[in-house]
C-alpha atoms as a PDB file:
ATOM      1  CA  MET A   1      10.741 -24.699  10.141  1.00  0.00           C
ATOM      2  CA  ASN A   2      11.866 -25.173   6.619  1.00  0.00           C
ATOM      3  CA  GLU A   3      14.645 -22.820   5.444  1.00  0.00           C
ATOM      4  CA  ASP A   4      12.839 -22.173   2.185  1.00  0.00           C
ATOM      5  CA  ILE A   5       9.847 -20.619   3.960  1.00  0.00           C
ATOM      6  CA  VAL A   6      11.799 -18.452   6.449  1.00  0.00           C
ATOM      7  CA  ILE A   7      13.139 -16.044   3.802  1.00  0.00           C
ATOM      8  CA  PRO A   8       9.710 -15.165   2.264  1.00  0.00           C
ATOM      9  CA  ILE A   9       8.166 -14.767   5.742  1.00  0.00           C
ATOM     10  CA  ALA A  10      11.009 -12.429   6.793  1.00  0.00           C
ATOM     11  CA  PHE A  11      10.657 -10.471   3.528  1.00  0.00           C
ATOM     12  CA  PHE A  12       6.912  -9.967   3.860  1.00  0.00           C
ATOM     13  CA  GLY A  13       7.244  -9.181   7.554  1.00  0.00           C
ATOM     14  CA  THR A  14       9.785  -6.477   6.686  1.00  0.00           C
ATOM     15  CA  VAL A  15       7.497  -5.063   3.988  1.00  0.00           C
ATOM     16  CA  ILE A  16       4.578  -4.879   6.432  1.00  0.00           C
ATOM     17  CA  VAL A  17       6.708  -3.192   9.116  1.00  0.00           C
ATOM     18  CA  LEU A  18       8.016  -0.642   6.591  1.00  0.00           C
ATOM     19  CA  ALA A  19       4.571  -0.022   5.119  1.00  0.00           C
ATOM     20  CA  LEU A  20       3.178   0.770   8.555  1.00  0.00           C
ATOM     21  CA  GLY A  21       6.291   2.316  10.111  1.00  0.00           C
ATOM     22  CA  ILE A  22       7.221   4.922   7.494  1.00  0.00           C
ATOM     23  CA  PRO A  23       3.869   6.804   7.621  1.00  0.00           C
ATOM     24  CA  LEU A  24       3.864   6.642  11.419  1.00  0.00           C
ATOM     25  CA  VAL A  25       7.396   8.080  11.631  1.00  0.00           C
ATOM     26  CA  ARG A  26       6.558  10.801   9.079  1.00  0.00           C
ATOM     27  CA  GLY A  27       3.460  11.805  11.043  1.00  0.00           C
ATOM     28  CA  TYR A  28       5.424  11.883  14.302  1.00  0.00           C
ATOM     29  CA  LEU A  29       8.171  14.046  12.773  1.00  0.00           C
ATOM     30  CA  ARG A  30       5.652  16.481  11.243  1.00  0.00           C
ATOM     31  CA  ARG A  31       3.939  16.816  14.602  1.00  0.00           C
ATOM     32  CA  GLN A  32       7.261  17.514  16.310  1.00  0.00           C
ATOM     33  CA  GLU A  33       8.118  20.163  13.688  1.00  0.00           C
ATOM     34  CA  ARG A  34       4.784  21.906  14.249  1.00  0.00           C
ATOM     35  CA  LEU A  35       5.261  21.905  18.006  1.00  0.00           C
ATOM     36  CA  ASN A  36       8.815  23.238  17.704  1.00  0.00           C
ATOM     37  CA  ALA A  37       7.831  25.872  15.118  1.00  0.00           C
ATOM     38  CA  LEU A  38       5.614  27.689  17.625  1.00  0.00           C
ATOM     39  CA  PRO A  39       7.866  29.031  20.368  1.00  0.00           C
ATOM     40  CA  SER A  40       6.243  29.475  23.709  1.00  0.00           C
ATOM     41  CA  ILE A  41       6.330  33.053  24.946  1.00  0.00           C
ATOM     42  CA  ASP A  42       7.240  33.253  28.587  1.00  0.00           C
ATOM     43  CA  PRO A  43       5.714  36.212  30.467  1.00  0.00           C
ATOM     44  CA  ASP A  44       9.011  36.703  32.304  1.00  0.00           C
ATOM     45  CA  GLN A  45      10.818  37.065  28.979  1.00  0.00           C
ATOM     46  CA  THR A  46       8.262  39.594  27.786  1.00  0.00           C
ATOM     47  CA  ALA A  47       8.735  41.678  30.922  1.00  0.00           C
ATOM     48  CA  ARG A  48      12.505  41.417  30.660  1.00  0.00           C
ATOM     49  CA  LEU A  49      12.458  42.540  27.016  1.00  0.00           C
ATOM     50  CA  ALA A  50      10.274  45.499  27.980  1.00  0.00           C
ATOM     51  CA  ARG A  51      12.796  46.511  30.656  1.00  0.00           C
ATOM     52  CA  ILE A  52      15.669  46.182  28.171  1.00  0.00           C
ATOM     53  CA  GLU A  53      13.778  48.337  25.671  1.00  0.00           C
ATOM     54  CA  THR A  54      13.165  51.015  28.309  1.00  0.00           C
ATOM     55  CA  ALA A  55      16.840  50.989  29.305  1.00  0.00           C
ATOM     56  CA  LEU A  56      17.953  51.334  25.684  1.00  0.00           C
ATOM     57  CA  GLU A  57      15.594  54.251  25.116  1.00  0.00           C
ATOM     58  CA  SER A  58      16.885  56.064  28.198  1.00  0.00           C
ATOM     59  CA  MET A  59      20.497  55.459  27.097  1.00  0.00           C
ATOM     60  CA  ALA A  60      19.696  56.845  23.651  1.00  0.00           C
ATOM     61  CA  ILE A  61      18.238  59.980  25.219  1.00  0.00           C
ATOM     62  CA  GLU A  62      21.333  60.441  27.392  1.00  0.00           C
ATOM     63  CA  ILE A  63      23.663  59.935  24.432  1.00  0.00           C
ATOM     64  CA  GLU A  64      21.713  62.526  22.465  1.00  0.00           C
ATOM     65  CA  ARG A  65      21.990  64.924  25.399  1.00  0.00           C
ATOM     66  CA  ILE A  66      25.763  64.404  25.556  1.00  0.00           C
ATOM     67  CA  SER A  67      26.133  64.962  21.812  1.00  0.00           C
ATOM     68  CA  GLU A  68      24.111  68.188  22.073  1.00  0.00           C
ATOM     69  CA  GLY A  69      26.456  69.356  24.811  1.00  0.00           C
ATOM     70  CA  GLN A  70      29.479  68.542  22.654  1.00  0.00           C
ATOM     71  CA  ARG A  71      28.005  70.474  19.717  1.00  0.00           C
ATOM     72  CA  PHE A  72      27.316  73.451  21.963  1.00  0.00           C
ATOM     73  CA  THR A  73      30.853  73.361  23.404  1.00  0.00           C
ATOM     74  CA  THR A  74      32.360  73.103  19.918  1.00  0.00           C
ATOM     75  CA  LYS A  75      30.272  76.051  18.768  1.00  0.00           C
ATOM     76  CA  LEU A  76      31.415  78.155  21.740  1.00  0.00           C
ATOM     77  CA  LEU A  77      35.072  77.257  21.186  1.00  0.00           C
ATOM     78  CA  ALA A  78      34.774  78.039  17.482  1.00  0.00           C
ATOM     79  CA  GLU A  79      33.211  81.423  18.196  1.00  0.00           C
ATOM     80  CA  ARG A  80      35.932  82.179  20.714  1.00  0.00           C
ATOM     81  CA  ALA A  81      38.627  81.266  18.160  1.00  0.00           C
ATOM     82  CA  GLY A  82      36.958  83.346  15.466  1.00  0.00           C
ATOM     83  CA  VAL A  83      36.088  80.488  13.101  1.00  0.00           C
ATOM     84  CA  HIS A  84      32.860  81.185  11.268  1.00  0.00           C
ATOM     85  CA  ASP A  85      32.180  77.793   9.619  1.00  0.00           C
ATOM     86  CA  VAL A  86      31.528  75.338  12.448  1.00  0.00           C
ATOM     87  CA  ARG A  87      30.054  72.499  10.325  1.00  0.00           C
ATOM     88  CA  PRO A  88      33.364  70.867   9.260  1.00  0.00           C
ATOM     89  CA  MET A  89      34.487  70.783  12.883  1.00  0.00           C
ATOM     90  CA  LEU A  90      31.303  69.003  13.945  1.00  0.00           C
ATOM     91  CA  ASP A  91      31.850  66.149  11.487  1.00  0.00           C
ATOM     92  CA  ALA A  92      34.033  63.928  13.664  1.00  0.00           C
ATOM     93  CA  GLY A  93      33.876  60.966  11.290  1.00  0.00           C
ATOM     94  CA  ALA A  94      35.395  62.756   8.303  1.00  0.00           C
ATOM     95  CA  ILE A  95      39.083  62.342   7.536  1.00  0.00           C
ATOM     96  CA  ARG A  96      40.753  65.536   6.494  1.00  0.00           C
ATOM     97  CA  ARG A  97      43.945  65.538   4.455  1.00  0.00           C
ATOM     98  CA  GLU A  98      46.200  68.521   4.163  1.00  0.00           C
ATOM     99  CA  PRO A  99      46.925  69.612   0.584  1.00  0.00           C
ATOM    100  CA  SER A 100      50.476  68.811  -0.467  1.00  0.00           C
END
């Protein structure tokens, strides 16, 4: 083959491959994005999440029961000590500073 004809044939061959390849690759990537965007929901995962939710709810109920018991105990101890205002004692998160 003549060297003068090889370069134009290679150029036009490349243009044809790019003209056909770019839309095909774009379509393939869009299809993959759509398939990956919809996560498949496994029935085992759904059941497991339901069990976790039930366990968390039961723990929350138990924690509330414990906190009620602590409030009751604090109230009894305050009454025994003769303190009338129990509310500041119940606020465990507050930082109290003594006046200087």
